């Protein structure tokens, strides 16, 4: 049953596990949980009208209010995300897997920053990688038209399917995202093959596979229009680095999009607590690569060779990586108008393109 009373909207009924907890502003975050009736509130907290309406409904027995010791009779339970995460893991008999890099986000402020950075609207399709307990999934589902949550952990995927069963805009896919092309993920959920730029990727990425997942989507067809992801702090800094501190990862991301750091996130925002801090990264994906290169694979072969020995001068690192005589490398670098004594981290994206063109042209002469 769905009813609207003033500024209060709720949906009640059903018996599958669902917990609602107030998070921020006008939003309510949905968690998988114990056997609690499903109730979804959207309430304006400007003034007290919404709360009064909800309490009046509760007194008439029209909606259920979860009670706990020390909480007002008519107030909704506002259990912390940390306690909810711990309890949910116990209920599912799951321990966070180090092998899968599972660190569940429990910070409300960070959730708000991720959602705001994603700039969601009802026309958006979102692919969420590694939804875990569904903490972020619920917020995405409240703002986007469709959410495809890809979870590799079978137990978590099953729990998510049950928890979001009454939300048709949420689809849960139990799969390893690296084993499926983005087009296949979208195609399974009724999207057309020509969907480039018309979907977004939002995710709290496991540290150990963050880089492969980024390239998996950035090099795909169709590409997302925007990516908002959580990565290890040092990885985020490497992604946005400029010439002087450029890295192989920075080149591989910046070829396809413009990255920026939305905010840094302390380790205490996760459960279990990781050993390092994190960063929220936003990537505005370009419709085509930032520089013109004939063969992207060949381009990355040259860049990878250059960074194979990042502390060495280019004339040495490229010679080692491409198995070329030093004098040949020097001549090609000079043709590309790059000083042979420079180090790989000092080159811009366009300068790497110049190096690639010189080396690629060598085989045609």
Protein backbone atom coordinates (compact mmCIF):
# COMPACT_ATOMS: atom_id res chain seq x y z
CA UNK A 1 0.00 0.00 0.00
CA UNK A 2 1.35 3.45 -0.82
CA UNK A 3 -0.03 6.52 0.92
CA UNK A 4 0.90 10.19 0.99
CA UNK A 5 0.09 12.33 3.99
CA UNK A 6 1.52 15.86 3.87
CA UNK A 7 5.24 15.49 3.26
CA UNK A 8 5.34 11.83 4.27
CA UNK A 9 5.40 8.99 1.77
CA UNK A 10 5.64 5.36 2.81
CA UNK A 11 5.24 1.90 1.40
CA UNK A 12 4.27 -0.85 3.86
CA UNK A 13 3.71 -4.56 3.63
CA UNK A 14 5.65 -7.73 2.98
CA UNK A 15 7.77 -9.73 5.35
CA UNK A 16 11.21 -9.96 3.79
CA UNK A 17 14.09 -8.34 5.71
CA UNK A 18 14.43 -4.60 5.34
CA UNK A 19 15.62 -1.85 7.68
CA UNK A 20 15.26 1.89 7.11
CA UNK A 21 17.62 4.31 8.82
CA UNK A 22 17.74 8.12 8.61
CA UNK A 23 20.89 9.28 6.91
CA UNK A 24 20.85 12.93 5.89
CA UNK A 25 18.56 15.72 4.74
CA UNK A 26 15.56 14.33 2.92
CA UNK A 27 16.95 10.86 2.28
CA UNK A 28 16.51 7.51 3.97
CA UNK A 29 19.10 4.79 3.56
CA UNK A 30 17.92 1.22 3.15
CA UNK A 31 19.79 -1.68 4.69
CA UNK A 32 19.30 -5.43 4.49
CA UNK A 33 18.37 -6.52 8.00
CA UNK A 34 16.35 -8.58 10.41
CA UNK A 35 12.69 -9.49 9.99
CA UNK A 36 11.27 -5.96 10.09
CA UNK A 37 8.25 -4.88 7.99
CA UNK A 38 9.34 -3.00 4.88
CA UNK A 39 8.65 0.71 5.29
CA UNK A 40 10.16 3.32 3.02
CA UNK A 41 9.95 6.92 4.21
CA UNK A 42 10.67 10.11 2.30
CA UNK A 43 10.24 12.96 4.74
CA UNK A 44 10.99 16.67 4.74
CA UNK A 45 12.55 17.62 8.05
CA UNK A 46 12.00 21.36 7.69
CA UNK A 47 9.74 21.93 10.66
CA UNK A 48 8.06 19.02 12.39
CA UNK A 49 5.10 18.31 10.12
CA UNK A 50 6.58 15.12 8.62
CA UNK A 51 7.44 13.65 12.01
CA UNK A 52 4.02 14.57 13.43
CA UNK A 53 2.28 12.95 10.48
CA UNK A 54 4.34 9.79 10.84
CA UNK A 55 3.67 9.58 14.59
CA UNK A 56 -0.05 10.10 14.00
CA UNK A 57 -0.07 7.29 11.44
CA UNK A 58 1.78 5.04 13.88
CA UNK A 59 -0.74 5.69 16.66
CA UNK A 60 -3.56 4.69 14.34
CA UNK A 61 -1.71 1.45 13.62
CA UNK A 62 -1.30 2.21 9.92
CA UNK A 63 2.49 1.91 9.90
CA UNK A 64 4.95 0.02 12.09
CA UNK A 65 7.62 1.66 14.22
CA UNK A 66 10.61 -0.39 15.33
CA UNK A 67 11.30 0.06 19.04
CA UNK A 68 14.48 -0.40 21.02
CA UNK A 69 15.58 0.30 24.58
CA UNK A 70 16.15 4.00 25.24
CA UNK A 71 14.26 5.16 22.12
CA UNK A 72 11.04 7.15 22.17
CA UNK A 73 7.92 5.06 21.68
CA UNK A 74 7.03 6.72 18.37
CA UNK A 75 10.52 7.52 17.08
CA UNK A 76 12.06 5.39 14.32
CA UNK A 77 15.15 3.43 15.26
CA UNK A 78 18.27 5.21 14.04
CA UNK A 79 20.86 2.50 14.44
CA UNK A 80 24.33 3.52 13.30
CA UNK A 81 25.56 2.21 9.95
CA UNK A 82 28.44 0.50 11.78
CA UNK A 83 26.11 -1.48 14.06
CA UNK A 84 23.83 -2.29 11.13
CA UNK A 85 26.76 -3.57 9.08
CA UNK A 86 27.99 -5.76 11.94
CA UNK A 87 24.51 -7.12 12.63
CA UNK A 88 23.83 -7.84 9.00
CA UNK A 89 27.08 -9.75 8.62
CA UNK A 90 26.16 -11.84 11.69
CA UNK A 91 22.69 -12.54 10.33
CA UNK A 92 24.16 -13.70 7.03
CA UNK A 93 26.91 -15.63 8.81
CA UNK A 94 29.50 -13.79 6.72
CA UNK A 95 32.92 -12.49 7.64
CA UNK A 96 34.39 -9.71 5.54
CA UNK A 97 36.70 -11.36 3.03
CA UNK A 98 40.27 -10.07 2.81
CA UNK A 99 40.61 -11.98 -0.44
CA UNK A 100 37.76 -9.97 -1.97
CA UNK A 101 38.96 -6.73 -0.41
CA UNK A 102 35.69 -6.24 1.47
CA UNK A 103 35.56 -3.02 3.49
CA UNK A 104 31.98 -1.81 3.92
CA UNK A 105 31.30 1.92 3.88
CA UNK A 106 29.66 3.09 7.13
CA UNK A 107 30.09 6.88 7.00
CA UNK A 108 26.93 8.86 6.24
CA UNK A 109 28.77 12.00 5.14
CA UNK A 110 30.83 10.02 2.63
CA UNK A 111 27.68 8.45 1.19
CA UNK A 112 26.25 11.91 0.63
CA UNK A 113 29.41 13.07 -1.16
CA UNK A 114 29.39 10.05 -3.49
CA UNK A 115 25.75 10.50 -4.41
CA UNK A 116 26.15 14.24 -4.99
CA UNK A 117 29.22 13.68 -7.18
CA UNK A 118 27.25 11.21 -9.32
CA UNK A 119 24.72 13.94 -10.22
CA UNK A 120 21.92 11.39 -10.55
CA UNK A 121 18.52 11.93 -12.11
CA UNK A 122 15.56 9.63 -12.85
CA UNK A 123 16.80 9.01 -16.41
CA UNK A 124 20.14 7.58 -15.27
CA UNK A 125 21.22 3.96 -15.38
CA UNK A 126 23.89 3.17 -12.80
CA UNK A 127 26.21 0.17 -12.68
CA UNK A 128 27.39 -0.37 -9.12
CA UNK A 129 30.38 -2.67 -8.70
CA UNK A 130 30.67 -4.49 -5.37
CA UNK A 131 27.48 -3.30 -3.61
CA UNK A 132 28.26 -5.43 -0.55
CA UNK A 133 25.51 -4.90 2.03
CA UNK A 134 23.59 -2.51 -0.22
CA UNK A 135 24.35 0.59 1.83
CA UNK A 136 25.14 2.71 -1.23
CA UNK A 137 22.71 0.79 -3.46
CA UNK A 138 19.69 2.08 -1.56
CA UNK A 139 20.71 5.70 -2.02
CA UNK A 140 21.41 5.20 -5.72
CA UNK A 141 18.04 3.50 -6.20
CA UNK A 142 16.27 6.45 -4.61
CA UNK A 143 17.66 8.87 -7.20
CA UNK A 144 18.48 6.97 -10.41
CA UNK A 145 16.04 5.37 -12.83
CA UNK A 146 17.85 2.05 -12.76
CA UNK A 147 20.62 0.44 -10.69
CA UNK A 148 22.48 -2.70 -11.79
CA UNK A 149 24.41 -4.00 -8.78
CA UNK A 150 27.19 -6.45 -9.72
CA UNK A 151 28.32 -8.51 -6.70
CA UNK A 152 30.84 -11.37 -6.87
CA UNK A 153 30.01 -12.74 -3.39
CA UNK A 154 27.13 -15.20 -3.81
CA UNK A 155 25.81 -14.83 -0.24
CA UNK A 156 25.75 -11.06 -0.44
CA UNK A 157 24.16 -11.14 -3.89
CA UNK A 158 21.38 -13.41 -2.61
CA UNK A 159 20.72 -11.13 0.37
CA UNK A 160 20.60 -8.09 -1.89
CA UNK A 161 18.08 -9.75 -4.21
CA UNK A 162 15.76 -10.39 -1.27
CA UNK A 163 16.18 -6.94 0.22
CA UNK A 164 15.50 -5.08 -3.03
CA UNK A 165 12.86 -7.49 -4.35
CA UNK A 166 10.15 -4.82 -4.08
CA UNK A 167 12.21 -2.22 -5.93
CA UNK A 168 11.95 -2.99 -9.66
CA UNK A 169 14.55 -0.35 -10.51
CA UNK A 170 17.25 -2.46 -8.78
CA UNK A 171 18.75 -5.52 -10.48
CA UNK A 172 21.34 -7.69 -8.74
CA UNK A 173 23.85 -9.64 -10.81
CA UNK A 174 26.03 -12.26 -9.11
CA UNK A 175 29.14 -12.12 -11.28
CA UNK A 176 32.77 -11.08 -11.52
CA UNK A 177 32.56 -7.74 -13.32
CA UNK A 178 35.94 -8.31 -15.01
CA UNK A 179 34.57 -11.43 -16.68
CA UNK A 180 31.68 -9.57 -18.32
CA UNK A 181 31.86 -6.81 -20.89
CA UNK A 182 29.90 -3.69 -19.88
CA UNK A 183 27.75 -4.15 -22.99
CA UNK A 184 26.81 -7.62 -21.76
CA UNK A 185 25.91 -6.31 -18.31
CA UNK A 186 23.67 -3.65 -19.83
CA UNK A 187 22.27 -6.03 -22.45
CA UNK A 188 21.09 -8.48 -19.81
CA UNK A 189 18.95 -5.73 -18.39
CA UNK A 190 17.30 -4.54 -21.56
CA UNK A 191 19.80 -1.91 -22.66
CA UNK A 192 20.77 -1.52 -26.29
CA UNK A 193 24.32 -2.08 -27.51
CA UNK A 194 24.67 1.59 -28.44
CA UNK A 195 24.52 2.91 -24.90
CA UNK A 196 27.84 4.77 -24.80
CA UNK A 197 27.87 7.73 -22.43
CA UNK A 198 24.34 7.00 -21.23
CA UNK A 199 25.16 5.14 -18.04
CA UNK A 200 27.25 5.84 -14.95
CA UNK A 201 29.52 3.68 -12.82
CA UNK A 202 29.36 4.35 -9.07
CA UNK A 203 31.28 2.08 -6.74
CA UNK A 204 33.33 1.53 -3.62
CA UNK A 205 36.02 -0.48 -5.40
CA UNK A 206 38.11 -3.20 -3.73
CA UNK A 207 41.63 -1.80 -3.54
CA UNK A 208 43.33 -4.78 -5.15
CA UNK A 209 41.35 -4.63 -8.41
CA UNK A 210 40.52 -0.92 -8.64
CA UNK A 211 42.87 -0.25 -11.56
CA UNK A 212 41.71 -3.21 -13.69
CA UNK A 213 38.07 -2.27 -13.13
CA UNK A 214 38.69 1.34 -14.16
CA UNK A 215 40.34 0.29 -17.39
CA UNK A 216 37.70 -2.39 -17.93
CA UNK A 217 35.02 0.31 -18.25
CA UNK A 218 37.13 3.08 -19.77
CA UNK A 219 38.34 0.87 -22.62
CA UNK A 220 34.93 -0.70 -23.17
CA UNK A 221 32.25 -0.12 -25.70
CA UNK A 222 29.90 1.26 -24.60
CA UNK A 223 31.74 3.53 -22.18
CA UNK A 224 30.08 5.20 -19.19
CA UNK A 225 29.58 8.95 -19.28
CA UNK A 226 30.72 9.36 -15.68
CA UNK A 227 32.50 7.27 -13.08
CA UNK A 228 32.45 8.04 -9.35
CA UNK A 229 34.54 5.52 -7.46
CA UNK A 230 36.26 5.01 -4.13
CA UNK A 231 39.90 3.95 -4.37
CA UNK A 232 42.97 3.88 -2.14
CA UNK A 233 44.21 7.42 -1.47
CA UNK A 234 47.59 6.90 -3.15
CA UNK A 235 45.90 5.35 -6.19
CA UNK A 236 43.58 8.35 -6.46
CA UNK A 237 46.50 10.74 -6.32
CA UNK A 238 48.27 8.73 -9.01
CA UNK A 239 45.18 8.88 -11.24
CA UNK A 240 44.94 12.69 -11.15
CA UNK A 241 48.70 13.34 -11.23
CA UNK A 242 50.11 15.95 -13.61
CA UNK A 243 53.44 15.94 -15.49
CA UNK A 244 56.21 15.77 -12.95
CA UNK A 245 54.40 13.06 -10.97
CA UNK A 246 52.67 11.25 -13.83
CA UNK A 247 52.26 7.47 -13.62
CA UNK A 248 51.26 4.62 -15.88
CA UNK A 249 47.84 4.56 -14.20
CA UNK A 250 47.46 8.31 -14.65
CA UNK A 251 48.14 8.02 -18.38
CA UNK A 252 45.77 5.06 -18.76
CA UNK A 253 42.89 6.93 -17.09
CA UNK A 254 43.54 10.40 -18.49
CA UNK A 255 43.59 9.08 -22.04
CA UNK A 256 39.87 8.32 -21.64
CA UNK A 257 38.59 10.93 -19.22
CA UNK A 258 39.22 13.89 -16.94
CA UNK A 259 39.71 12.71 -13.34
CA UNK A 260 39.37 14.79 -10.20
CA UNK A 261 39.47 14.10 -6.48
CA UNK A 262 36.05 14.70 -4.93
CA UNK A 263 37.28 14.19 -1.36
CA UNK A 264 39.53 12.11 0.84
CA UNK A 265 38.03 9.47 3.13
CA UNK A 266 39.63 8.31 6.41
CA UNK A 267 40.08 4.61 7.15
CA UNK A 268 37.58 4.86 10.01
CA UNK A 269 34.76 5.32 7.48
CA UNK A 270 34.85 1.58 6.72
CA UNK A 271 34.20 -1.71 8.46
CA UNK A 272 36.46 -3.58 8.83
CA UNK A 273 38.86 -0.65 9.04
CA UNK A 274 41.50 -0.81 6.26
CA UNK A 275 45.13 0.11 6.88
CA UNK A 276 45.03 3.06 4.48
CA UNK A 277 42.86 6.08 3.71
CA UNK A 278 40.77 6.35 0.55
CA UNK A 279 39.72 8.92 -2.01
CA UNK A 280 36.52 9.51 -3.97
CA UNK A 281 37.42 10.01 -7.63
CA UNK A 282 35.19 11.45 -10.31
CA UNK A 283 36.02 10.74 -13.97
CA UNK A 284 34.23 12.61 -16.75
CA UNK A 285 34.65 10.18 -19.63
CA UNK A 286 35.48 11.57 -23.07
CA UNK A 287 33.55 10.33 -26.12
CA UNK A 288 36.94 9.63 -27.75
CA UNK A 289 40.56 9.43 -26.47
CA UNK A 290 42.16 12.70 -25.38
CA UNK A 291 45.03 12.33 -27.88
CA UNK A 292 45.03 11.02 -31.42
CA UNK A 293 46.84 7.68 -31.69
CA UNK A 294 46.27 5.08 -34.40
CA UNK A 295 46.67 2.05 -32.17
CA UNK A 296 45.77 2.38 -28.48
CA UNK A 297 47.39 -0.97 -27.66
CA UNK A 298 50.61 0.13 -29.34
CA UNK A 299 50.45 3.45 -27.49
CA UNK A 300 50.21 1.69 -24.13
CA UNK A 301 53.04 -0.67 -25.10
CA UNK A 302 55.34 2.34 -25.51
CA UNK A 303 54.11 4.03 -22.30
CA UNK A 304 54.45 0.79 -20.33
CA UNK A 305 58.01 0.42 -21.58
CA UNK A 306 58.79 3.97 -20.51
CA UNK A 307 57.49 3.35 -16.98
CA UNK A 308 59.17 -0.06 -16.69
CA UNK A 309 62.07 1.73 -15.00
CA UNK A 310 60.54 5.04 -13.86
CA UNK A 311 63.70 6.34 -12.16
CA UNK A 312 65.78 5.91 -15.30
CA UNK A 313 66.01 8.39 -18.14
CA UNK A 314 63.74 7.72 -21.10
CA UNK A 315 66.63 6.74 -23.36
CA UNK A 316 67.37 3.88 -20.94
CA UNK A 317 63.87 2.83 -19.82
CA UNK A 318 62.50 2.73 -23.37
CA UNK A 319 65.56 0.88 -24.58
CA UNK A 320 65.11 -1.76 -21.89
CA UNK A 321 61.33 -2.00 -22.26
CA UNK A 322 61.32 -2.18 -26.07
CA UNK A 323 64.66 -3.99 -26.41
CA UNK A 324 66.18 -1.32 -28.63
CA UNK A 325 69.70 0.04 -28.82
CA UNK A 326 70.16 3.24 -26.80
CA UNK A 327 71.26 5.22 -29.86
CA UNK A 328 68.11 4.21 -31.74
CA UNK A 329 65.96 5.35 -28.83
CA UNK A 330 67.80 8.67 -28.61
CA UNK A 331 67.19 9.35 -32.31
CA UNK A 332 63.50 8.51 -32.03
CA UNK A 333 63.06 10.70 -28.95
CA UNK A 334 64.75 13.58 -30.72
CA UNK A 335 62.41 13.05 -33.67
CA UNK A 336 59.53 13.32 -31.19
CA UNK A 337 61.10 16.51 -29.83
CA UNK A 338 61.58 14.93 -26.40
CA UNK A 339 64.89 15.34 -24.56
CA UNK A 340 66.32 11.80 -24.09
CA UNK A 341 67.46 12.62 -20.54
CA UNK A 342 63.91 13.26 -19.30
CA UNK A 343 62.22 10.76 -17.00
CA UNK A 344 58.84 9.15 -17.78
CA UNK A 345 56.89 10.88 -15.01
CA UNK A 346 57.65 14.31 -16.52
CA UNK A 347 55.85 13.71 -19.83
CA UNK A 348 52.36 14.97 -20.57
CA UNK A 349 49.74 12.89 -22.35
CA UNK A 350 50.39 14.67 -25.64
CA UNK A 351 54.14 14.15 -25.29
CA UNK A 352 53.58 10.42 -24.81
CA UNK A 353 51.54 10.50 -28.02
CA UNK A 354 54.47 12.15 -29.79
CA UNK A 355 56.82 9.43 -28.54
CA UNK A 356 54.40 6.73 -29.69
CA UNK A 357 54.08 8.24 -33.18
CA UNK A 358 57.86 8.37 -33.58
CA UNK A 359 58.30 4.76 -32.48
CA UNK A 360 55.30 3.55 -34.51
CA UNK A 361 56.63 5.33 -37.60
CA UNK A 362 59.97 3.55 -37.25
CA UNK A 363 58.38 0.29 -38.36
CA UNK A 364 56.95 1.91 -41.49
CA UNK A 365 60.24 3.29 -42.74
